[in-house]
């Protein structure tokens, strides 16, 4: 079971977006849909009564959750998703990467064009029409295989040197961790600091992630709640552990959400949260919580 699940925030169009994604990514499907309750909602939620609030879905076998809400948070490229096309596993990798690029680019914004680079024979970075960012790449088939989709975290700071410290912090919290590749910036590349991380990948709970450093002079965005990482916890002990380790910004603590000291947003929730929310009054009880207390649903 995937322990850490990216959650994507949409402005009233989550179902439309997920129908689009599951139509353009192979091996994709909608898993579950949780609706807002018909009554008992806060004033700012009443327009959503009976509509989907969370849609669980898979793209290329990788699990996501879509959040259907308002305009409070807008996605940006600080967290993007690498989509790996490995010729060793897919003989039509070049055709498939071009087909997906064409669909994701429709109505979107190209951040780096799909072309050959020193690190890949074919790579491109695009922000799709819903604001979610994707990095499509033909991978080197040598070495340990990576996941089809990997969350990529871009740590944008003044000093351009947070990603390595952040990954060490995550290693101290999560299990089944290791470093993979590490490439550092040489001198004279834009506003980046020599020796900062150009690219690194690593595992948390056996899942691959990417971390990169970026300079605030080059990137006018930082992490926000539009893309968060949800941890599926088996019991209250796990919830207490992860929430207490990760939460660093008290004003961001609401309904199991928290923000770590590097600005990444997390949701620490029971793995059976959807079932718990079916209990009478559970939605209203959850809305009063900061850290989730299972017994209080």
Protein backbone atom coordinates (compact mmCIF):
# COMPACT_ATOMS: atom_id res chain seq x y z
CA UNK A 1 0.00 0.00 0.00
CA UNK A 2 1.27 3.47 -0.90
CA UNK A 3 1.97 5.22 2.42
CA UNK A 4 2.46 8.78 1.15
CA UNK A 5 -0.17 10.09 -1.26
CA UNK A 6 0.08 13.45 -3.07
CA UNK A 7 -3.09 15.53 -2.75
CA UNK A 8 -3.91 18.02 -5.52
CA UNK A 9 -6.12 21.05 -4.82
CA UNK A 10 -8.61 22.07 -7.51
CA UNK A 11 -10.86 25.10 -7.75
CA UNK A 12 -14.32 23.52 -8.13
CA UNK A 13 -13.26 21.33 -11.07
CA UNK A 14 -11.61 18.26 -9.52
CA UNK A 15 -13.85 15.76 -11.33
CA UNK A 16 -13.19 17.41 -14.68
CA UNK A 17 -9.45 17.36 -14.05
CA UNK A 18 -9.38 13.73 -12.96
CA UNK A 19 -11.46 12.65 -15.95
CA UNK A 20 -8.84 14.39 -18.10
CA UNK A 21 -5.85 12.81 -16.36
CA UNK A 22 -7.28 9.30 -16.42
CA UNK A 23 -7.95 9.70 -20.13
CA UNK A 24 -4.39 10.72 -21.03
CA UNK A 25 -2.25 8.59 -18.67
CA UNK A 26 -2.08 4.85 -19.30
CA UNK A 27 -3.01 2.33 -16.59
CA UNK A 28 -5.19 4.92 -14.83
CA UNK A 29 -8.48 4.75 -12.96
CA UNK A 30 -10.68 6.43 -10.38
CA UNK A 31 -10.67 4.45 -7.12
CA UNK A 32 -13.07 6.16 -4.72
CA UNK A 33 -15.07 9.36 -4.38
CA UNK A 34 -15.96 10.99 -1.06
CA UNK A 35 -18.72 13.60 -1.10
CA UNK A 36 -19.33 16.60 1.10
CA UNK A 37 -22.22 15.97 3.48
CA UNK A 38 -25.59 17.37 2.43
CA UNK A 39 -25.86 19.51 5.57
CA UNK A 40 -23.88 20.70 8.55
CA UNK A 41 -21.22 22.43 6.45
CA UNK A 42 -19.49 25.68 7.35
CA UNK A 43 -20.71 28.74 5.45
CA UNK A 44 -17.75 28.71 3.05
CA UNK A 45 -18.47 25.05 2.19
CA UNK A 46 -22.25 25.17 1.66
CA UNK A 47 -22.01 25.58 -2.11
CA UNK A 48 -20.33 22.15 -2.23
CA UNK A 49 -23.07 20.22 -0.40
CA UNK A 50 -23.39 16.74 -1.91
CA UNK A 51 -20.54 17.31 -4.38
CA UNK A 52 -17.23 15.40 -4.40
CA UNK A 53 -14.72 16.59 -1.81
CA UNK A 54 -11.98 14.01 -2.45
CA UNK A 55 -11.37 11.70 -5.40
CA UNK A 56 -8.80 8.93 -5.07
CA UNK A 57 -7.28 7.92 -8.39
CA UNK A 58 -4.29 6.22 -9.97
CA UNK A 59 -2.10 7.30 -12.88
CA UNK A 60 0.30 4.68 -14.24
CA UNK A 61 -0.27 2.75 -11.02
CA UNK A 62 0.64 5.71 -8.76
CA UNK A 63 -1.98 6.93 -6.32
CA UNK A 64 -3.18 10.52 -5.91
CA UNK A 65 -6.08 12.27 -4.21
CA UNK A 66 -7.86 15.25 -5.77
CA UNK A 67 -9.41 17.81 -3.43
CA UNK A 68 -12.44 19.65 -4.77
CA UNK A 69 -12.59 23.02 -3.01
CA UNK A 70 -12.34 26.74 -3.71
CA UNK A 71 -9.71 29.21 -4.87
CA UNK A 72 -7.80 29.39 -1.59
CA UNK A 73 -4.66 27.70 -2.95
CA UNK A 74 -3.18 27.76 -6.44
CA UNK A 75 -0.68 25.12 -7.65
CA UNK A 76 2.80 26.12 -8.76
CA UNK A 77 5.91 24.21 -9.90
CA UNK A 78 7.42 23.92 -6.40
CA UNK A 79 6.02 20.38 -6.37
CA UNK A 80 5.84 18.72 -9.76
CA UNK A 81 5.62 15.11 -10.86
CA UNK A 82 8.30 13.34 -12.87
CA UNK A 83 6.88 10.85 -15.35
CA UNK A 84 9.49 8.27 -16.29
CA UNK A 85 9.55 6.55 -19.65
CA UNK A 86 12.06 3.72 -19.55
CA UNK A 87 12.91 2.19 -22.95
CA UNK A 88 13.92 -1.02 -21.16
CA UNK A 89 10.34 -1.46 -19.95
CA UNK A 90 8.50 0.30 -22.79
CA UNK A 91 9.66 -0.22 -26.36
CA UNK A 92 7.46 2.69 -27.45
CA UNK A 93 8.79 5.10 -24.82
CA UNK A 94 9.61 7.93 -27.24
CA UNK A 95 6.21 7.76 -28.90
CA UNK A 96 4.40 7.60 -25.57
CA UNK A 97 6.26 10.53 -24.02
CA UNK A 98 5.46 12.70 -27.05
CA UNK A 99 1.79 11.72 -26.96
CA UNK A 100 1.47 12.56 -23.26
CA UNK A 101 3.38 15.81 -23.71
CA UNK A 102 0.99 16.87 -26.45
CA UNK A 103 -2.05 16.33 -24.25
CA UNK A 104 -0.62 17.90 -21.09
CA UNK A 105 0.58 20.95 -23.03
CA UNK A 106 -2.91 21.75 -24.39
CA UNK A 107 -3.94 25.00 -22.72
CA UNK A 108 -0.94 24.79 -20.39
CA UNK A 109 2.41 26.52 -20.00
CA UNK A 110 5.71 25.06 -21.17
CA UNK A 111 8.44 25.59 -18.56
CA UNK A 112 11.15 23.65 -20.42
CA UNK A 113 10.50 22.42 -23.98
CA UNK A 114 10.47 18.73 -24.80
CA UNK A 115 13.86 18.14 -26.38
CA UNK A 116 17.27 16.57 -25.82
CA UNK A 117 19.31 17.74 -22.81
CA UNK A 118 22.65 16.63 -21.38
CA UNK A 119 20.84 14.49 -18.80
CA UNK A 120 18.25 12.90 -21.10
CA UNK A 121 17.66 12.30 -24.79
CA UNK A 122 14.11 13.64 -24.29
CA UNK A 123 12.81 15.77 -21.42
CA UNK A 124 10.24 18.51 -20.91
CA UNK A 125 8.59 20.37 -18.03
CA UNK A 126 5.01 21.59 -18.44
CA UNK A 127 2.32 23.15 -16.26
CA UNK A 128 -1.01 21.79 -17.47
CA UNK A 129 -4.29 23.68 -17.88
CA UNK A 130 -5.24 22.88 -14.27
CA UNK A 131 -1.97 24.27 -12.90
CA UNK A 132 -0.33 20.93 -12.03
CA UNK A 133 3.30 20.60 -13.16
CA UNK A 134 4.78 17.54 -14.85
CA UNK A 135 8.34 16.64 -15.84
CA UNK A 136 8.39 14.05 -18.61
CA UNK A 137 11.68 12.24 -19.16
CA UNK A 138 13.22 9.35 -21.05
CA UNK A 139 15.18 7.63 -18.29
CA UNK A 140 18.48 5.80 -18.42
CA UNK A 141 17.62 2.13 -18.29
CA UNK A 142 20.87 1.36 -16.45
CA UNK A 143 20.79 1.02 -12.68
CA UNK A 144 17.91 0.56 -10.26
CA UNK A 145 14.48 1.16 -11.84
CA UNK A 146 12.49 4.13 -10.57
CA UNK A 147 8.75 4.53 -10.16
CA UNK A 148 6.65 5.56 -13.15
CA UNK A 149 5.71 8.79 -11.35
CA UNK A 150 7.81 10.55 -8.71
CA UNK A 151 6.93 13.72 -6.74
CA UNK A 152 9.67 16.34 -7.25
CA UNK A 153 10.20 19.01 -4.57
CA UNK A 154 11.91 22.26 -5.55
CA UNK A 155 13.20 24.04 -2.44
CA UNK A 156 13.29 27.72 -3.41
CA UNK A 157 15.32 29.81 -0.95
CA UNK A 158 17.53 32.88 -0.81
CA UNK A 159 20.65 30.78 -0.28
CA UNK A 160 19.65 27.94 -2.62
CA UNK A 161 20.72 25.25 -0.16
CA UNK A 162 17.75 23.68 1.63
CA UNK A 163 17.02 20.42 -0.17
CA UNK A 164 19.84 18.37 1.30
CA UNK A 165 19.01 19.42 4.87
CA UNK A 166 15.31 18.79 4.20
CA UNK A 167 15.91 15.24 2.99
CA UNK A 168 18.08 14.52 6.03
CA UNK A 169 15.19 15.78 8.17
CA UNK A 170 12.76 13.45 6.40
CA UNK A 171 15.21 10.54 6.80
CA UNK A 172 15.07 11.10 10.56
CA UNK A 173 11.27 10.69 10.55
CA UNK A 174 10.33 8.10 7.93
CA UNK A 175 11.31 4.46 7.58
CA UNK A 176 12.80 2.58 4.61
CA UNK A 177 14.84 5.54 3.38
CA UNK A 178 17.89 5.83 1.16
CA UNK A 179 19.61 8.21 -1.20
CA UNK A 180 19.79 7.55 -4.89
CA UNK A 181 21.43 9.90 -7.37
CA UNK A 182 22.96 13.26 -6.45
CA UNK A 183 24.07 15.96 -8.91
CA UNK A 184 25.28 19.39 -7.77
CA UNK A 185 25.35 22.74 -9.53
CA UNK A 186 28.69 23.87 -10.87
CA UNK A 187 29.71 27.51 -10.61
CA UNK A 188 27.99 30.06 -12.83
CA UNK A 189 24.59 28.44 -13.50
CA UNK A 190 22.02 31.22 -13.20
CA UNK A 191 21.54 32.40 -9.62
CA UNK A 192 22.13 28.99 -8.11
CA UNK A 193 24.84 28.49 -5.54
CA UNK A 194 27.81 26.35 -6.50
CA UNK A 195 27.48 22.96 -4.81
CA UNK A 196 23.74 23.22 -4.23
CA UNK A 197 21.59 20.32 -5.38
CA UNK A 198 20.68 20.29 -9.06
CA UNK A 199 18.99 16.89 -8.75
CA UNK A 200 18.74 14.19 -6.13
CA UNK A 201 16.37 11.33 -5.53
CA UNK A 202 15.63 9.35 -2.41
CA UNK A 203 13.07 7.06 -0.81
CA UNK A 204 10.69 7.55 2.11
CA UNK A 205 8.68 4.50 3.15
CA UNK A 206 10.13 2.84 0.07
CA UNK A 207 8.65 5.51 -2.27
CA UNK A 208 10.85 7.55 -4.58
CA UNK A 209 10.96 11.34 -4.34
CA UNK A 210 13.10 14.00 -6.02
CA UNK A 211 14.60 17.07 -4.33
CA UNK A 212 16.20 20.08 -6.02
CA UNK A 213 17.46 23.49 -4.91
CA UNK A 214 16.27 26.70 -6.54
CA UNK A 215 17.07 30.36 -6.10
CA UNK A 216 14.40 32.91 -5.20
CA UNK A 217 15.98 35.11 -7.87
CA UNK A 218 15.02 32.57 -10.53
CA UNK A 219 11.73 31.25 -9.15
CA UNK A 220 8.93 33.44 -7.81
CA UNK A 221 7.07 30.68 -6.00
CA UNK A 222 7.35 28.51 -2.91
CA UNK A 223 5.52 25.52 -1.44
CA UNK A 224 1.86 25.94 -0.58
CA UNK A 225 -1.13 23.78 0.29
CA UNK A 226 -2.20 23.30 -3.33
CA UNK A 227 -0.03 20.19 -3.42
CA UNK A 228 0.26 18.39 -0.10
CA UNK A 229 1.53 14.97 0.92
CA UNK A 230 -0.88 12.78 2.87
CA UNK A 231 0.38 10.07 5.21
CA UNK A 232 -1.98 7.11 5.62
CA UNK A 233 -1.70 6.16 9.31
CA UNK A 234 -2.80 2.82 10.72
CA UNK A 235 -3.67 4.13 14.20
CA UNK A 236 -3.55 7.07 16.61
CA UNK A 237 0.03 6.28 17.59
CA UNK A 238 1.20 6.82 14.02
CA UNK A 239 -0.85 10.00 13.71
CA UNK A 240 0.69 11.40 16.89
CA UNK A 241 4.20 10.46 15.75
CA UNK A 242 4.11 11.99 12.27
CA UNK A 243 2.10 15.07 13.22
CA UNK A 244 4.32 15.93 16.17
CA UNK A 245 7.50 15.42 14.10
CA UNK A 246 6.36 17.35 11.04
CA UNK A 247 4.21 20.22 12.28
CA UNK A 248 6.19 23.46 12.56
CA UNK A 249 3.66 26.20 11.74
CA UNK A 250 0.84 26.34 14.32
CA UNK A 251 -1.44 28.49 12.16
CA UNK A 252 -1.37 25.78 9.46
CA UNK A 253 -2.71 23.10 11.80
CA UNK A 254 -6.27 22.25 10.78
CA UNK A 255 -8.15 18.99 10.11
CA UNK A 256 -4.95 16.93 10.11
CA UNK A 257 -3.04 19.39 7.91
CA UNK A 258 0.33 20.73 9.00
CA UNK A 259 3.37 22.43 7.51
CA UNK A 260 6.97 21.42 8.15
CA UNK A 261 9.91 23.76 8.75
CA UNK A 262 10.78 23.75 5.04
CA UNK A 263 7.27 24.83 4.01
CA UNK A 264 6.00 21.49 2.67
CA UNK A 265 2.36 20.78 3.55
CA UNK A 266 1.38 17.39 4.94
CA UNK A 267 -1.87 15.72 5.86
CA UNK A 268 -1.60 13.19 8.67
CA UNK A 269 -4.77 11.11 8.61
CA UNK A 270 -6.09 7.65 9.44
CA UNK A 271 -5.97 5.28 6.49
CA UNK A 272 -9.71 4.62 6.98
CA UNK A 273 -10.63 8.32 7.10
CA UNK A 274 -13.35 7.94 4.43
CA UNK A 275 -15.11 5.28 6.50
CA UNK A 276 -14.81 7.32 9.69
CA UNK A 277 -16.43 10.30 7.98
CA UNK A 278 -19.58 8.25 7.38
CA UNK A 279 -20.39 8.37 11.10
CA UNK A 280 -23.13 10.87 12.07
CA UNK A 281 -21.59 14.24 12.89
CA UNK A 282 -18.08 13.09 11.90
CA UNK A 283 -17.56 15.89 9.37
CA UNK A 284 -18.43 18.56 11.92
CA UNK A 285 -16.19 16.91 14.51
CA UNK A 286 -13.27 16.73 12.10
CA UNK A 287 -13.60 20.42 11.22
CA UNK A 288 -12.94 21.28 14.88
CA UNK A 289 -9.70 19.31 15.07
CA UNK A 290 -6.11 20.33 14.47
CA UNK A 291 -4.34 17.03 14.84
CA UNK A 292 -6.77 14.22 14.04
CA UNK A 293 -8.01 12.32 17.09
CA UNK A 294 -9.65 9.14 15.85
CA UNK A 295 -11.73 8.68 19.01
CA UNK A 296 -13.30 12.13 18.50
CA UNK A 297 -14.83 11.44 15.09
